[in-house]
Amino acid sequence: MYERGCLLFRDQQGTAHLMPVWPDGSIFNGTSVIFHQPGKADQPVVIGEEFVMSGQPVMWSGLSGQIYSPFQHQCSAAPFMVASVRPAD
């Protein structure tokens, strides 16, 4: 969902909302994310399609304060460090 300027996703159980932290070089244009993984071809992810996002949750305190501080107050979801994406099976 896109809420208050935040692109949020549900976890696998569908209970928690996550705010993805995409790798440097990734681009969101409003309808898709171009996922950047160094050393590999960038992968487009269309927001309306089903895909699997892998990574790990992080604490707000583990993110650079000046850059992420505004998002902590704007987005009501836990940050999730994205490591990979793939189409859903």
PDB file of N, CA and C in Angstrom:
ATOM      1  N   MET A   1       0.843  -1.173   0.000  1.00  0.00           N
ATOM      2  CA  MET A   1       0.000   0.000   0.000  1.00  0.00           C
ATOM      3  C   MET A   1       0.889   1.237   0.000  1.00  0.00           C
ATOM      4  N   TYR A   2       0.346   2.318  -0.492  1.00  0.00           N
ATOM      5  CA  TYR A   2       1.057   3.599  -0.514  1.00  0.00           C
ATOM      6  C   TYR A   2       0.284   4.530   0.399  1.00  0.00           C
ATOM      7  N   GLU A   3       0.869   4.834   1.543  1.00  0.00           N
ATOM      8  CA  GLU A   3       0.167   5.602   2.559  1.00  0.00           C
ATOM      9  C   GLU A   3       1.066   6.703   3.103  1.00  0.00           C
ATOM     10  N   ARG A   4       0.555   7.937   3.100  1.00  0.00           N
ATOM     11  CA  ARG A   4       1.288   9.100   3.637  1.00  0.00           C
ATOM     12  C   ARG A   4       2.684   9.229   3.036  1.00  0.00           C
ATOM     13  N   GLY A   5       2.807   8.932   1.735  1.00  0.00           N
ATOM     14  CA  GLY A   5       4.101   9.038   1.068  1.00  0.00           C
ATOM     15  C   GLY A   5       5.023   7.868   1.331  1.00  0.00           C
ATOM     16  N   CYS A   6       4.508   6.780   1.897  1.00  0.00           N
ATOM     17  CA  CYS A   6       5.322   5.610   2.229  1.00  0.00           C
ATOM     18  C   CYS A   6       4.816   4.401   1.446  1.00  0.00           C
ATOM     19  N   LEU A   7       5.716   3.707   0.782  1.00  0.00           N
ATOM     20  CA  LEU A   7       5.391   2.474   0.083  1.00  0.00           C
ATOM     21  C   LEU A   7       5.594   1.334   1.073  1.00  0.00           C
ATOM     22  N   LEU A   8       4.494   0.725   1.525  1.00  0.00           N
ATOM     23  CA  LEU A   8       4.552  -0.299   2.570  1.00  0.00           C
ATOM     24  C   LEU A   8       4.095  -1.648   2.023  1.00  0.00           C
ATOM     25  N   PHE A   9       4.618  -2.708   2.604  1.00  0.00           N
ATOM     26  CA  PHE A   9       4.276  -4.070   2.221  1.00  0.00           C
ATOM     27  C   PHE A   9       3.886  -4.861   3.457  1.00  0.00           C
ATOM     28  N   ARG A  10       3.148  -5.947   3.257  1.00  0.00           N
ATOM     29  CA  ARG A  10       2.799  -6.842   4.360  1.00  0.00           C
ATOM     30  C   ARG A  10       3.820  -7.963   4.430  1.00  0.00           C
ATOM     31  N   ASP A  11       4.031  -8.484   5.631  1.00  0.00           N
ATOM     32  CA  ASP A  11       4.921  -9.624   5.786  1.00  0.00           C
ATOM     33  C   ASP A  11       4.224 -10.885   5.263  1.00  0.00           C
ATOM     34  N   GLN A  12       4.944 -12.002   5.291  1.00  0.00           N
ATOM     35  CA  GLN A  12       4.428 -13.254   4.731  1.00  0.00           C
ATOM     36  C   GLN A  12       3.144 -13.721   5.404  1.00  0.00           C
ATOM     37  N   GLN A  13       2.990 -13.429   6.682  1.00  0.00           N
ATOM     38  CA  GLN A  13       1.788 -13.825   7.408  1.00  0.00           C
ATOM     39  C   GLN A  13       0.634 -12.846   7.170  1.00  0.00           C
ATOM     40  N   GLY A  14       0.942 -11.690   6.580  1.00  0.00           N
ATOM     41  CA  GLY A  14      -0.086 -10.698   6.312  1.00  0.00           C
ATOM     42  C   GLY A  14      -0.498  -9.898   7.527  1.00  0.00           C
ATOM     43  N   THR A  15       0.310  -9.922   8.579  1.00  0.00           N
ATOM     44  CA  THR A  15      -0.070  -9.240   9.817  1.00  0.00           C
ATOM     45  C   THR A  15       0.671  -7.925  10.046  1.00  0.00           C
ATOM     46  N   ALA A  16       1.934  -7.865   9.693  1.00  0.00           N
ATOM     47  CA  ALA A  16       2.738  -6.665   9.953  1.00  0.00           C
ATOM     48  C   ALA A  16       2.995  -5.903   8.660  1.00  0.00           C
ATOM     49  N   HIS A  17       3.097  -4.587   8.774  1.00  0.00           N
ATOM     50  CA  HIS A  17       3.477  -3.754   7.637  1.00  0.00           C
ATOM     51  C   HIS A  17       4.965  -3.480   7.730  1.00  0.00           C
ATOM     52  N   LEU A  18       5.628  -3.491   6.583  1.00  0.00           N
ATOM     53  CA  LEU A  18       7.061  -3.254   6.519  1.00  0.00           C
ATOM     54  C   LEU A  18       7.351  -2.102   5.570  1.00  0.00           C
ATOM     55  N   MET A  19       8.313  -1.286   5.928  1.00  0.00           N
ATOM     56  CA  MET A  19       8.770  -0.226   5.050  1.00  0.00           C
ATOM     57  C   MET A  19      10.103  -0.674   4.453  1.00  0.00           C
ATOM     58  N   PRO A  20      10.116  -1.033   3.162  1.00  0.00           N
ATOM     59  CA  PRO A  20      11.365  -1.518   2.582  1.00  0.00           C
ATOM     60  C   PRO A  20      12.419  -0.420   2.489  1.00  0.00           C
ATOM     61  N   VAL A  21      13.641  -0.791   2.785  1.00  0.00           N
ATOM     62  CA  VAL A  21      14.794   0.075   2.581  1.00  0.00           C
ATOM     63  C   VAL A  21      15.541  -0.569   1.420  1.00  0.00           C
ATOM     64  N   TRP A  22      15.414   0.048   0.241  1.00  0.00           N
ATOM     65  CA  TRP A  22      15.970  -0.516  -0.988  1.00  0.00           C
ATOM     66  C   TRP A  22      17.454  -0.209  -1.088  1.00  0.00           C
ATOM     67  N   PRO A  23      18.211  -1.065  -1.772  1.00  0.00           N
ATOM     68  CA  PRO A  23      19.650  -0.807  -1.947  1.00  0.00           C
ATOM     69  C   PRO A  23      19.888   0.502  -2.706  1.00  0.00           C
ATOM     70  N   ASP A  24      21.019   1.110  -2.434  1.00  0.00           N
ATOM     71  CA  ASP A  24      21.439   2.310  -3.145  1.00  0.00           C
ATOM     72  C   ASP A  24      21.368   2.056  -4.644  1.00  0.00           C
ATOM     73  N   GLY A  25      20.827   2.991  -5.390  1.00  0.00           N
ATOM     74  CA  GLY A  25      20.713   2.847  -6.834  1.00  0.00           C
ATOM     75  C   GLY A  25      19.345   2.382  -7.288  1.00  0.00           C
ATOM     76  N   SER A  26      18.490   1.922  -6.365  1.00  0.00           N
ATOM     77  CA  SER A  26      17.130   1.520  -6.710  1.00  0.00           C
ATOM     78  C   SER A  26      16.299   2.782  -6.952  1.00  0.00           C
ATOM     79  N   ILE A  27      15.273   2.655  -7.809  1.00  0.00           N
ATOM     80  CA  ILE A  27      14.449   3.804  -8.174  1.00  0.00           C
ATOM     81  C   ILE A  27      12.977   3.434  -8.051  1.00  0.00           C
ATOM     82  N   PHE A  28      12.178   4.304  -7.433  1.00  0.00           N
ATOM     83  CA  PHE A  28      10.724   4.141  -7.387  1.00  0.00           C
ATOM     84  C   PHE A  28      10.114   5.270  -8.202  1.00  0.00           C
ATOM     85  N   ASN A  29       9.294   4.920  -9.218  1.00  0.00           N
ATOM     86  CA  ASN A  29       8.723   5.955 -10.081  1.00  0.00           C
ATOM     87  C   ASN A  29       7.211   6.113  -9.903  1.00  0.00           C
ATOM     88  N   GLY A  30       6.645   5.509  -8.870  1.00  0.00           N
ATOM     89  CA  GLY A  30       5.221   5.628  -8.615  1.00  0.00           C
ATOM     90  C   GLY A  30       4.430   4.393  -8.998  1.00  0.00           C
ATOM     91  N   THR A  31       4.918   3.632  -9.983  1.00  0.00           N
ATOM     92  CA  THR A  31       4.223   2.408 -10.385  1.00  0.00           C
ATOM     93  C   THR A  31       5.114   1.179 -10.323  1.00  0.00           C
ATOM     94  N   SER A  32       6.418   1.393 -10.273  1.00  0.00           N
ATOM     95  CA  SER A  32       7.332   0.255 -10.198  1.00  0.00           C
ATOM     96  C   SER A  32       8.605   0.645  -9.464  1.00  0.00           C
ATOM     97  N   VAL A  33       9.301  -0.369  -9.011  1.00  0.00           N
ATOM     98  CA  VAL A  33      10.607  -0.184  -8.379  1.00  0.00           C
ATOM     99  C   VAL A  33      11.630  -0.837  -9.293  1.00  0.00           C
ATOM    100  N   ILE A  34      12.689  -0.120  -9.594  1.00  0.00           N
ATOM    101  CA  ILE A  34      13.814  -0.725 -10.302  1.00  0.00           C
ATOM    102  C   ILE A  34      14.799  -1.115  -9.217  1.00  0.00           C
ATOM    103  N   PHE A  35      14.849  -2.426  -8.924  1.00  0.00           N
ATOM    104  CA  PHE A  35      15.671  -2.949  -7.840  1.00  0.00           C
ATOM    105  C   PHE A  35      17.109  -3.054  -8.317  1.00  0.00           C
ATOM    106  N   HIS A  36      18.013  -2.373  -7.639  1.00  0.00           N
ATOM    107  CA  HIS A  36      19.427  -2.382  -8.006  1.00  0.00           C
ATOM    108  C   HIS A  36      20.191  -3.326  -7.089  1.00  0.00           C
ATOM    109  N   GLN A  37      20.843  -4.308  -7.699  1.00  0.00           N
ATOM    110  CA  GLN A  37      21.698  -5.222  -6.953  1.00  0.00           C
ATOM    111  C   GLN A  37      23.069  -5.158  -7.608  1.00  0.00           C
ATOM    112  N   PRO A  38      24.064  -4.608  -6.918  1.00  0.00           N
ATOM    113  CA  PRO A  38      25.382  -4.432  -7.530  1.00  0.00           C
ATOM    114  C   PRO A  38      25.902  -5.725  -8.169  1.00  0.00           C
ATOM    115  N   GLY A  39      26.451  -5.589  -9.367  1.00  0.00           N
ATOM    116  CA  GLY A  39      27.033  -6.734 -10.069  1.00  0.00           C
ATOM    117  C   GLY A  39      26.012  -7.564 -10.835  1.00  0.00           C
ATOM    118  N   LYS A  40      24.727  -7.209 -10.769  1.00  0.00           N
ATOM    119  CA  LYS A  40      23.683  -7.937 -11.484  1.00  0.00           C
ATOM    120  C   LYS A  40      22.810  -6.932 -12.238  1.00  0.00           C
ATOM    121  N   ALA A  41      22.064  -7.436 -13.197  1.00  0.00           N
ATOM    122  CA  ALA A  41      21.162  -6.560 -13.951  1.00  0.00           C
ATOM    123  C   ALA A  41      20.065  -6.037 -13.027  1.00  0.00           C
ATOM    124  N   ASP A  42      19.732  -4.755 -13.171  1.00  0.00           N
ATOM    125  CA  ASP A  42      18.633  -4.191 -12.385  1.00  0.00           C
ATOM    126  C   ASP A  42      17.341  -4.913 -12.736  1.00  0.00           C
ATOM    127  N   GLN A  43      16.481  -5.112 -11.750  1.00  0.00           N
ATOM    128  CA  GLN A  43      15.252  -5.873 -11.934  1.00  0.00           C
ATOM    129  C   GLN A  43      14.048  -4.981 -11.683  1.00  0.00           C
ATOM    130  N   PRO A  44      13.176  -4.791 -12.703  1.00  0.00           N
ATOM    131  CA  PRO A  44      11.963  -4.004 -12.466  1.00  0.00           C
ATOM    132  C   PRO A  44      10.928  -4.832 -11.711  1.00  0.00           C
ATOM    133  N   VAL A  45      10.272  -4.209 -10.758  1.00  0.00           N
ATOM    134  CA  VAL A  45       9.200  -4.840  -9.995  1.00  0.00           C
ATOM    135  C   VAL A  45       7.988  -3.926 -10.118  1.00  0.00           C
ATOM    136  N   VAL A  46       6.951  -4.395 -10.805  1.00  0.00           N
ATOM    137  CA  VAL A  46       5.736  -3.604 -10.955  1.00  0.00           C
ATOM    138  C   VAL A  46       4.934  -3.761  -9.675  1.00  0.00           C
ATOM    139  N   ILE A  47       4.487  -2.648  -9.118  1.00  0.00           N
ATOM    140  CA  ILE A  47       3.846  -2.669  -7.802  1.00  0.00           C
ATOM    141  C   ILE A  47       2.593  -3.541  -7.776  1.00  0.00           C
ATOM    142  N   GLY A  48       1.829  -3.618  -8.874  1.00  0.00           N
ATOM    143  CA  GLY A  48       0.611  -4.418  -8.883  1.00  0.00           C
ATOM    144  C   GLY A  48       0.837  -5.918  -9.003  1.00  0.00           C
ATOM    145  N   GLU A  49       2.050  -6.350  -9.328  1.00  0.00           N
ATOM    146  CA  GLU A  49       2.301  -7.778  -9.491  1.00  0.00           C
ATOM    147  C   GLU A  49       2.724  -8.405  -8.162  1.00  0.00           C
ATOM    148  N   GLU A  50       2.581  -9.718  -8.076  1.00  0.00           N
ATOM    149  CA  GLU A  50       3.029 -10.415  -6.869  1.00  0.00           C
ATOM    150  C   GLU A  50       4.501 -10.769  -7.014  1.00  0.00           C
ATOM    151  N   PHE A  51       5.253 -10.507  -5.970  1.00  0.00           N
ATOM    152  CA  PHE A  51       6.671 -10.855  -5.967  1.00  0.00           C
ATOM    153  C   PHE A  51       7.082 -11.184  -4.542  1.00  0.00           C
ATOM    154  N   VAL A  52       8.230 -11.810  -4.425  1.00  0.00           N
ATOM    155  CA  VAL A  52       8.769 -12.168  -3.110  1.00  0.00           C
ATOM    156  C   VAL A  52       9.953 -11.252  -2.844  1.00  0.00           C
ATOM    157  N   MET A  53       9.921 -10.607  -1.699  1.00  0.00           N
ATOM    158  CA  MET A  53      10.982  -9.701  -1.283  1.00  0.00           C
ATOM    159  C   MET A  53      11.684 -10.346  -0.088  1.00  0.00           C
ATOM    160  N   SER A  54      12.989 -10.526  -0.190  1.00  0.00           N
ATOM    161  CA  SER A  54      13.753 -11.136   0.900  1.00  0.00           C
ATOM    162  C   SER A  54      14.676 -10.099   1.519  1.00  0.00           C
ATOM    163  N   GLY A  55      14.973 -10.305   2.773  1.00  0.00           N
ATOM    164  CA  GLY A  55      15.857  -9.401   3.490  1.00  0.00           C
ATOM    165  C   GLY A  55      15.695  -9.623   4.973  1.00  0.00           C
ATOM    166  N   GLN A  56      15.882  -8.567   5.738  1.00  0.00           N
ATOM    167  CA  GLN A  56      15.733  -8.698   7.185  1.00  0.00           C
ATOM    168  C   GLN A  56      15.259  -7.394   7.800  1.00  0.00           C
ATOM    169  N   PRO A  57      14.464  -7.517   8.862  1.00  0.00           N
ATOM    170  CA  PRO A  57      14.037  -6.312   9.567  1.00  0.00           C
ATOM    171  C   PRO A  57      15.233  -5.647  10.255  1.00  0.00           C
ATOM    172  N   VAL A  58      15.175  -4.349  10.362  1.00  0.00           N
ATOM    173  CA  VAL A  58      16.211  -3.603  11.083  1.00  0.00           C
ATOM    174  C   VAL A  58      15.515  -2.662  12.055  1.00  0.00           C
ATOM    175  N   MET A  59      16.223  -2.251  13.057  1.00  0.00           N
ATOM    176  CA  MET A  59      15.699  -1.278  14.014  1.00  0.00           C
ATOM    177  C   MET A  59      15.969   0.126  13.470  1.00  0.00           C
ATOM    178  N   TRP A  60      15.082   1.065  13.787  1.00  0.00           N
ATOM    179  CA  TRP A  60      15.300   2.435  13.354  1.00  0.00           C
ATOM    180  C   TRP A  60      16.652   2.948  13.822  1.00  0.00           C
ATOM    181  N   SER A  61      17.075   2.534  14.997  1.00  0.00           N
ATOM    182  CA  SER A  61      18.359   2.996  15.530  1.00  0.00           C
ATOM    183  C   SER A  61      19.544   2.486  14.716  1.00  0.00           C
ATOM    184  N   GLY A  62      19.336   1.442  13.910  1.00  0.00           N
ATOM    185  CA  GLY A  62      20.401   0.895  13.077  1.00  0.00           C
ATOM    186  C   GLY A  62      20.541   1.600  11.741  1.00  0.00           C
ATOM    187  N   LEU A  63      19.667   2.556  11.466  1.00  0.00           N
ATOM    188  CA  LEU A  63      19.725   3.306  10.209  1.00  0.00           C
ATOM    189  C   LEU A  63      20.292   4.689  10.471  1.00  0.00           C
ATOM    190  N   SER A  64      20.947   5.243   9.486  1.00  0.00           N
ATOM    191  CA  SER A  64      21.559   6.559   9.603  1.00  0.00           C
ATOM    192  C   SER A  64      20.507   7.597   9.980  1.00  0.00           C
ATOM    193  N   GLY A  65      20.641   8.168  11.151  1.00  0.00           N
ATOM    194  CA  GLY A  65      19.643   9.060  11.726  1.00  0.00           C
ATOM    195  C   GLY A  65      19.186  10.204  10.846  1.00  0.00           C
ATOM    196  N   GLN A  66      20.097  10.966  10.265  1.00  0.00           N
ATOM    197  CA  GLN A  66      19.709  12.149   9.506  1.00  0.00           C
ATOM    198  C   GLN A  66      18.937  11.789   8.239  1.00  0.00           C
ATOM    199  N   ILE A  67      19.278  10.688   7.611  1.00  0.00           N
ATOM    200  CA  ILE A  67      18.612  10.313   6.366  1.00  0.00           C
ATOM    201  C   ILE A  67      17.242   9.693   6.639  1.00  0.00           C
ATOM    202  N   TYR A  68      17.155   8.799   7.617  1.00  0.00           N
ATOM    203  CA  TYR A  68      15.932   8.030   7.838  1.00  0.00           C
ATOM    204  C   TYR A  68      15.010   8.587   8.909  1.00  0.00           C
ATOM    205  N   SER A  69      15.479   9.523   9.693  1.00  0.00           N
ATOM    206  CA  SER A  69      14.682  10.083  10.772  1.00  0.00           C
ATOM    207  C   SER A  69      13.314  10.598  10.310  1.00  0.00           C
ATOM    208  N   PRO A  70      13.219  11.316   9.190  1.00  0.00           N
ATOM    209  CA  PRO A  70      11.885  11.781   8.763  1.00  0.00           C
ATOM    210  C   PRO A  70      10.924  10.626   8.473  1.00  0.00           C
ATOM    211  N   PHE A  71      11.436   9.522   7.943  1.00  0.00           N
ATOM    212  CA  PHE A  71      10.577   8.377   7.617  1.00  0.00           C
ATOM    213  C   PHE A  71      10.060   7.684   8.869  1.00  0.00           C
ATOM    214  N   GLN A  72      10.840   7.689   9.927  1.00  0.00           N
ATOM    215  CA  GLN A  72      10.414   7.055  11.172  1.00  0.00           C
ATOM    216  C   GLN A  72       9.133   7.716  11.676  1.00  0.00           C
ATOM    217  N   HIS A  73       9.024   9.021  11.516  1.00  0.00           N
ATOM    218  CA  HIS A  73       7.852   9.748  11.994  1.00  0.00           C
ATOM    219  C   HIS A  73       6.720   9.763  10.968  1.00  0.00           C
ATOM    220  N   GLN A  74       7.064   9.631   9.694  1.00  0.00           N
ATOM    221  CA  GLN A  74       6.069   9.680   8.631  1.00  0.00           C
ATOM    222  C   GLN A  74       5.423   8.323   8.380  1.00  0.00           C
ATOM    223  N   CYS A  75       6.212   7.249   8.459  1.00  0.00           N
ATOM    224  CA  CYS A  75       5.735   5.912   8.098  1.00  0.00           C
ATOM    225  C   CYS A  75       5.501   5.088   9.369  1.00  0.00           C
ATOM    226  N   SER A  76       4.333   4.480   9.442  1.00  0.00           N
ATOM    227  CA  SER A  76       4.006   3.717  10.644  1.00  0.00           C
ATOM    228  C   SER A  76       4.303   2.229  10.447  1.00  0.00           C
ATOM    229  N   ALA A  77       5.524   1.931  10.008  1.00  0.00           N
ATOM    230  CA  ALA A  77       5.904   0.538   9.762  1.00  0.00           C
ATOM    231  C   ALA A  77       7.366   0.340  10.115  1.00  0.00           C
ATOM    232  N   ALA A  78       7.710  -0.893  10.420  1.00  0.00           N
ATOM    233  CA  ALA A  78       9.097  -1.224  10.743  1.00  0.00           C
ATOM    234  C   ALA A  78       9.936  -1.247   9.473  1.00  0.00           C
ATOM    235  N   PRO A  79      11.177  -0.739   9.510  1.00  0.00           N
ATOM    236  CA  PRO A  79      12.025  -0.802   8.326  1.00  0.00           C
ATOM    237  C   PRO A  79      12.470  -2.244   8.035  1.00  0.00           C
ATOM    238  N   PHE A  80      12.603  -2.537   6.737  1.00  0.00           N
ATOM    239  CA  PHE A  80      12.977  -3.872   6.282  1.00  0.00           C
ATOM    240  C   PHE A  80      14.045  -3.692   5.202  1.00  0.00           C
ATOM    241  N   MET A  81      15.268  -4.180   5.451  1.00  0.00           N
ATOM    242  CA  MET A  81      16.374  -4.053   4.530  1.00  0.00           C
ATOM    243  C   MET A  81      16.208  -5.087   3.417  1.00  0.00           C
ATOM    244  N   VAL A  82      15.948  -4.635   2.189  1.00  0.00           N
ATOM    245  CA  VAL A  82      15.697  -5.540   1.056  1.00  0.00           C
ATOM    246  C   VAL A  82      17.021  -6.053   0.506  1.00  0.00           C
ATOM    247  N   ALA A  83      17.133  -7.387   0.396  1.00  0.00           N
ATOM    248  CA  ALA A  83      18.343  -8.013  -0.144  1.00  0.00           C
ATOM    249  C   ALA A  83      18.107  -8.578  -1.539  1.00  0.00           C
ATOM    250  N   SER A  84      16.891  -9.018  -1.829  1.00  0.00           N
ATOM    251  CA  SER A  84      16.598  -9.572  -3.148  1.00  0.00           C
ATOM    252  C   SER A  84      15.091  -9.549  -3.405  1.00  0.00           C
ATOM    253  N   VAL A  85      14.737  -9.585  -4.660  1.00  0.00           N
ATOM    254  CA  VAL A  85      13.346  -9.710  -5.086  1.00  0.00           C
ATOM    255  C   VAL A  85      13.288 -10.716  -6.216  1.00  0.00           C
ATOM    256  N   ARG A  86      12.146 -11.393  -6.338  1.00  0.00           N
ATOM    257  CA  ARG A  86      11.924 -12.344  -7.432  1.00  0.00           C
ATOM    258  C   ARG A  86      10.437 -12.446  -7.680  1.00  0.00           C
ATOM    259  N   PRO A  87      10.047 -12.861  -8.885  1.00  0.00           N
ATOM    260  CA  PRO A  87       8.623 -13.046  -9.148  1.00  0.00           C
ATOM    261  C   PRO A  87       8.053 -14.115  -8.215  1.00  0.00           C
ATOM    262  N   ALA A  88       6.784 -13.977  -7.850  1.00  0.00           N
ATOM    263  CA  ALA A  88       6.132 -14.979  -7.012  1.00  0.00           C
ATOM    264  C   ALA A  88       5.929 -16.254  -7.825  1.00  0.00           C
ATOM    265  N   ASP A  89       5.926 -17.378  -7.149  1.00  0.00           N
ATOM    266  CA  ASP A  89       5.730 -18.663  -7.842  1.00  0.00           C
ATOM    267  C   ASP A  89       4.307 -18.826  -8.291  1.00  0.00           C
TER     268      ASP A  89
END
